Amino acid sequence: MSTRPVHRHATDSQRVPRTIGRISSALRGGRRARFFAELLEARQGPELDGVLTAWWGHAMLDTDPDRDRVHAAAEAGTLPTTTMDEILRRRRPVGAGRNP
């Protein structure tokens, strides 16, 4: 198993820089208006930083090159899934979890 990404594309900061303008440009549909509504209500400091961080995440999802394919697979019920137990098993280092 490899930790390398399957698809090579621009780094996160290159795809959508964490600026108000770039985030708003990347958002699809009515998300842009909701972003500005939250942005205008946020106080400078941690609250504003939180709004930018949350909406940057939405912008990253909206600009994901595989977004439409993944969404279609999820709607069709063909998106591969796994259980939390399987994820934890894969994360466990070799030999860990064995009782001495």
N, C-alpha and C. Protein backbone atom coordinates (compact mmCIF):
# COMPACT_ATOMS: atom_id res chain seq x y z
N MET A 1 0.85 -1.18 0.00
CA MET A 1 0.00 0.00 0.00
C MET A 1 0.89 1.24 0.00
N SER A 2 0.52 2.21 -0.77
CA SER A 2 1.30 3.43 -0.89
C SER A 2 0.51 4.61 -0.35
N THR A 3 1.22 5.60 0.16
CA THR A 3 0.56 6.81 0.63
C THR A 3 0.59 7.91 -0.42
N ARG A 4 1.15 7.61 -1.58
CA ARG A 4 1.19 8.61 -2.64
C ARG A 4 -0.20 8.79 -3.25
N PRO A 5 -0.54 10.02 -3.64
CA PRO A 5 -1.85 10.25 -4.24
C PRO A 5 -1.97 9.53 -5.58
N VAL A 6 -3.19 9.11 -5.90
CA VAL A 6 -3.44 8.42 -7.16
C VAL A 6 -3.33 9.39 -8.32
N HIS A 7 -3.86 10.58 -8.13
CA HIS A 7 -3.85 11.60 -9.19
C HIS A 7 -2.91 12.72 -8.80
N ARG A 8 -2.13 13.15 -9.76
CA ARG A 8 -1.26 14.29 -9.51
C ARG A 8 -1.97 15.55 -10.00
N HIS A 9 -2.05 16.53 -9.13
CA HIS A 9 -2.61 17.82 -9.51
C HIS A 9 -1.97 18.89 -8.64
N ALA A 10 -2.35 20.12 -8.88
CA ALA A 10 -1.75 21.23 -8.14
C ALA A 10 -1.93 21.04 -6.64
N THR A 11 -0.98 21.57 -5.90
CA THR A 11 -1.12 21.50 -4.45
C THR A 11 -2.33 22.30 -4.02
N ASP A 12 -2.81 22.03 -2.82
CA ASP A 12 -4.00 22.71 -2.32
C ASP A 12 -3.88 24.22 -2.41
N SER A 13 -2.73 24.77 -2.03
CA SER A 13 -2.58 26.22 -2.03
C SER A 13 -2.55 26.79 -3.44
N GLN A 14 -2.14 25.99 -4.42
CA GLN A 14 -2.13 26.46 -5.80
C GLN A 14 -3.53 26.39 -6.41
N ARG A 15 -4.28 25.34 -6.07
CA ARG A 15 -5.60 25.17 -6.66
C ARG A 15 -6.56 26.24 -6.16
N VAL A 16 -6.61 26.48 -4.87
CA VAL A 16 -7.45 27.53 -4.31
C VAL A 16 -6.68 28.22 -3.18
N PRO A 17 -6.03 29.32 -3.49
CA PRO A 17 -5.35 30.06 -2.43
C PRO A 17 -6.36 30.53 -1.38
N ARG A 18 -5.92 30.63 -0.14
CA ARG A 18 -6.82 31.02 0.96
C ARG A 18 -6.99 32.53 1.01
N THR A 19 -7.61 33.06 -0.03
CA THR A 19 -7.96 34.48 -0.05
C THR A 19 -9.46 34.59 -0.29
N ILE A 20 -10.04 35.69 0.12
CA ILE A 20 -11.48 35.88 -0.04
C ILE A 20 -11.86 35.79 -1.52
N GLY A 21 -11.11 36.46 -2.37
CA GLY A 21 -11.41 36.47 -3.80
C GLY A 21 -11.32 35.10 -4.44
N ARG A 22 -10.26 34.36 -4.14
CA ARG A 22 -10.08 33.05 -4.75
C ARG A 22 -11.09 32.03 -4.22
N ILE A 23 -11.38 32.11 -2.94
CA ILE A 23 -12.38 31.20 -2.37
C ILE A 23 -13.73 31.47 -3.02
N SER A 24 -14.13 32.75 -3.10
CA SER A 24 -15.44 33.06 -3.68
C SER A 24 -15.51 32.66 -5.15
N SER A 25 -14.42 32.81 -5.88
CA SER A 25 -14.41 32.43 -7.30
C SER A 25 -14.56 30.92 -7.49
N ALA A 26 -14.09 30.16 -6.54
CA ALA A 26 -14.11 28.70 -6.67
C ALA A 26 -15.43 28.07 -6.26
N LEU A 27 -16.25 28.80 -5.51
CA LEU A 27 -17.49 28.23 -5.00
C LEU A 27 -18.54 28.10 -6.10
N ARG A 28 -19.28 27.00 -6.07
CA ARG A 28 -20.32 26.74 -7.05
C ARG A 28 -21.69 27.20 -6.55
N GLY A 29 -22.54 27.54 -7.48
CA GLY A 29 -23.94 27.83 -7.18
C GLY A 29 -24.14 28.89 -6.11
N GLY A 30 -25.11 28.63 -5.25
CA GLY A 30 -25.48 29.58 -4.21
C GLY A 30 -24.51 29.63 -3.05
N ARG A 31 -23.47 28.82 -3.10
CA ARG A 31 -22.51 28.84 -2.00
C ARG A 31 -21.80 30.18 -1.87
N ARG A 32 -21.56 30.82 -2.99
CA ARG A 32 -20.84 32.10 -2.95
C ARG A 32 -21.60 33.13 -2.12
N ALA A 33 -22.91 33.22 -2.30
CA ALA A 33 -23.72 34.18 -1.53
C ALA A 33 -23.69 33.83 -0.04
N ARG A 34 -23.77 32.54 0.28
CA ARG A 34 -23.73 32.13 1.70
C ARG A 34 -22.36 32.44 2.30
N PHE A 35 -21.29 32.25 1.49
CA PHE A 35 -19.94 32.57 1.95
C PHE A 35 -19.85 34.05 2.31
N PHE A 36 -20.32 34.92 1.42
CA PHE A 36 -20.24 36.36 1.69
C PHE A 36 -21.11 36.76 2.88
N ALA A 37 -22.28 36.12 3.03
CA ALA A 37 -23.14 36.44 4.17
C ALA A 37 -22.42 36.11 5.48
N GLU A 38 -21.78 34.96 5.55
CA GLU A 38 -21.04 34.59 6.77
C GLU A 38 -19.82 35.48 6.96
N LEU A 39 -19.16 35.78 5.86
CA LEU A 39 -17.96 36.62 5.91
C LEU A 39 -18.29 38.00 6.46
N LEU A 40 -19.39 38.58 6.02
CA LEU A 40 -19.77 39.92 6.45
C LEU A 40 -20.18 39.97 7.92
N GLU A 41 -20.60 38.85 8.48
CA GLU A 41 -21.02 38.80 9.89
C GLU A 41 -19.88 38.43 10.83
N ALA A 42 -18.79 37.91 10.31
CA ALA A 42 -17.70 37.43 11.16
C ALA A 42 -16.86 38.58 11.71
N ARG A 43 -16.45 38.43 12.95
CA ARG A 43 -15.56 39.41 13.56
C ARG A 43 -14.12 39.08 13.20
N GLN A 44 -13.31 40.14 13.08
CA GLN A 44 -11.91 39.96 12.76
C GLN A 44 -11.25 39.12 13.85
N GLY A 45 -10.41 38.21 13.46
CA GLY A 45 -9.73 37.33 14.40
C GLY A 45 -10.13 35.88 14.17
N PRO A 46 -10.21 35.10 15.25
CA PRO A 46 -10.51 33.67 15.11
C PRO A 46 -11.83 33.37 14.40
N GLU A 47 -12.84 34.22 14.61
CA GLU A 47 -14.13 33.97 13.96
C GLU A 47 -14.01 34.11 12.44
N LEU A 48 -13.36 35.15 11.99
CA LEU A 48 -13.15 35.36 10.55
C LEU A 48 -12.27 34.25 9.98
N ASP A 49 -11.22 33.90 10.71
CA ASP A 49 -10.34 32.80 10.28
C ASP A 49 -11.12 31.50 10.13
N GLY A 50 -12.05 31.25 11.05
CA GLY A 50 -12.87 30.05 10.99
C GLY A 50 -13.77 30.02 9.76
N VAL A 51 -14.36 31.16 9.43
CA VAL A 51 -15.20 31.26 8.24
C VAL A 51 -14.37 30.98 6.99
N LEU A 52 -13.20 31.61 6.90
CA LEU A 52 -12.34 31.40 5.73
C LEU A 52 -11.90 29.95 5.62
N THR A 53 -11.55 29.33 6.73
CA THR A 53 -11.10 27.94 6.70
C THR A 53 -12.23 27.01 6.27
N ALA A 54 -13.42 27.21 6.82
CA ALA A 54 -14.55 26.36 6.47
C ALA A 54 -14.91 26.49 4.99
N TRP A 55 -14.96 27.72 4.50
CA TRP A 55 -15.34 27.93 3.11
C TRP A 55 -14.22 27.57 2.15
N TRP A 56 -12.98 27.64 2.59
CA TRP A 56 -11.87 27.17 1.76
C TRP A 56 -12.06 25.67 1.52
N GLY A 57 -12.50 24.95 2.55
CA GLY A 57 -12.77 23.52 2.38
C GLY A 57 -13.86 23.27 1.34
N HIS A 58 -14.92 24.06 1.38
CA HIS A 58 -15.98 23.93 0.36
C HIS A 58 -15.42 24.23 -1.03
N ALA A 59 -14.59 25.27 -1.12
CA ALA A 59 -13.99 25.64 -2.41
C ALA A 59 -13.10 24.53 -2.94
N MET A 60 -12.35 23.89 -2.05
CA MET A 60 -11.49 22.78 -2.46
C MET A 60 -12.35 21.64 -3.01
N LEU A 61 -13.46 21.35 -2.36
CA LEU A 61 -14.34 20.29 -2.85
C LEU A 61 -14.96 20.67 -4.20
N ASP A 62 -15.36 21.93 -4.33
CA ASP A 62 -15.97 22.38 -5.58
C ASP A 62 -15.00 22.36 -6.75
N THR A 63 -13.71 22.47 -6.48
CA THR A 63 -12.72 22.48 -7.56
C THR A 63 -11.99 21.15 -7.71
N ASP A 64 -12.40 20.14 -6.96
CA ASP A 64 -11.76 18.83 -7.06
C ASP A 64 -12.01 18.27 -8.46
N PRO A 65 -10.95 17.89 -9.18
CA PRO A 65 -11.12 17.38 -10.54
C PRO A 65 -11.99 16.13 -10.61
N ASP A 66 -12.08 15.37 -9.53
CA ASP A 66 -12.87 14.13 -9.52
C ASP A 66 -14.25 14.33 -8.89
N ARG A 67 -14.61 15.56 -8.56
CA ARG A 67 -15.84 15.83 -7.83
C ARG A 67 -17.07 15.25 -8.51
N ASP A 68 -17.25 15.53 -9.77
CA ASP A 68 -18.45 15.09 -10.46
C ASP A 68 -18.51 13.56 -10.59
N ARG A 69 -17.37 12.93 -10.84
CA ARG A 69 -17.31 11.47 -10.94
C ARG A 69 -17.65 10.82 -9.61
N VAL A 70 -17.08 11.34 -8.52
CA VAL A 70 -17.33 10.79 -7.20
C VAL A 70 -18.79 11.00 -6.81
N HIS A 71 -19.31 12.17 -7.08
CA HIS A 71 -20.71 12.46 -6.76
C HIS A 71 -21.64 11.52 -7.53
N ALA A 72 -21.38 11.31 -8.81
CA ALA A 72 -22.21 10.41 -9.62
C ALA A 72 -22.14 8.98 -9.09
N ALA A 73 -20.94 8.54 -8.71
CA ALA A 73 -20.78 7.18 -8.16
C ALA A 73 -21.52 7.04 -6.84
N ALA A 74 -21.49 8.07 -6.01
CA ALA A 74 -22.20 8.03 -4.73
C ALA A 74 -23.71 7.94 -4.97
N GLU A 75 -24.21 8.73 -5.90
CA GLU A 75 -25.64 8.71 -6.21
C GLU A 75 -26.06 7.37 -6.81
N ALA A 76 -25.17 6.75 -7.60
CA ALA A 76 -25.50 5.47 -8.23
C ALA A 76 -25.30 4.28 -7.29
N GLY A 77 -24.69 4.55 -6.13
CA GLY A 77 -24.45 3.46 -5.18
C GLY A 77 -23.24 2.62 -5.54
N THR A 78 -22.36 3.14 -6.39
CA THR A 78 -21.19 2.38 -6.82
C THR A 78 -19.89 2.90 -6.23
N LEU A 79 -19.99 3.87 -5.34
CA LEU A 79 -18.79 4.43 -4.71
C LEU A 79 -18.24 3.41 -3.71
N PRO A 80 -16.97 3.04 -3.84
CA PRO A 80 -16.41 2.07 -2.89
C PRO A 80 -16.45 2.63 -1.47
N THR A 81 -16.82 1.78 -0.54
CA THR A 81 -16.87 2.18 0.86
C THR A 81 -16.09 1.20 1.70
N THR A 82 -15.86 1.58 2.93
CA THR A 82 -15.17 0.70 3.87
C THR A 82 -15.72 0.97 5.26
N THR A 83 -15.39 0.10 6.18
CA THR A 83 -15.85 0.28 7.55
C THR A 83 -14.77 0.96 8.37
N MET A 84 -15.18 1.52 9.49
CA MET A 84 -14.20 2.15 10.39
C MET A 84 -13.23 1.10 10.92
N ASP A 85 -13.71 -0.11 11.18
CA ASP A 85 -12.83 -1.19 11.64
C ASP A 85 -11.73 -1.47 10.63
N GLU A 86 -12.09 -1.47 9.33
CA GLU A 86 -11.09 -1.71 8.29
C GLU A 86 -10.07 -0.58 8.22
N ILE A 87 -10.53 0.64 8.37
CA ILE A 87 -9.60 1.79 8.37
C ILE A 87 -8.63 1.68 9.53
N LEU A 88 -9.15 1.37 10.71
CA LEU A 88 -8.28 1.24 11.89
C LEU A 88 -7.31 0.08 11.73
N ARG A 89 -7.77 -1.00 11.13
CA ARG A 89 -6.88 -2.14 10.90
C ARG A 89 -5.74 -1.76 9.97
N ARG A 90 -6.03 -1.01 8.94
CA ARG A 90 -4.99 -0.59 7.98
C ARG A 90 -4.00 0.37 8.62
N ARG A 91 -4.47 1.17 9.57
CA ARG A 91 -3.61 2.16 10.21
C ARG A 91 -2.72 1.55 11.29
N ARG A 92 -3.10 0.39 11.81
CA ARG A 92 -2.35 -0.22 12.88
C ARG A 92 -1.00 -0.69 12.37
N PRO A 93 0.07 -0.29 13.01
CA PRO A 93 1.40 -0.73 12.57
C PRO A 93 1.52 -2.26 12.66
N VAL A 94 2.36 -2.80 11.82
CA VAL A 94 2.60 -4.24 11.81
C VAL A 94 3.04 -4.67 13.20
N GLY A 95 2.41 -5.68 13.73
CA GLY A 95 2.77 -6.20 15.06
C GLY A 95 2.05 -5.53 16.19
N ALA A 96 1.45 -4.36 15.96
CA ALA A 96 0.73 -3.67 17.03
C ALA A 96 -0.60 -4.36 17.26
N GLY A 97 -1.07 -4.30 18.46
CA GLY A 97 -2.37 -4.87 18.77
C GLY A 97 -2.31 -6.33 19.17
N ARG A 98 -1.14 -6.92 19.07
CA ARG A 98 -0.99 -8.30 19.53
C ARG A 98 -0.77 -8.31 21.02
N ASN A 99 -1.42 -9.20 21.67
CA ASN A 99 -1.25 -9.32 23.12
C ASN A 99 0.02 -10.13 23.42
N PRO A 100 0.89 -9.61 24.32
CA PRO A 100 2.12 -10.32 24.63
C PRO A 100 1.87 -11.59 25.40
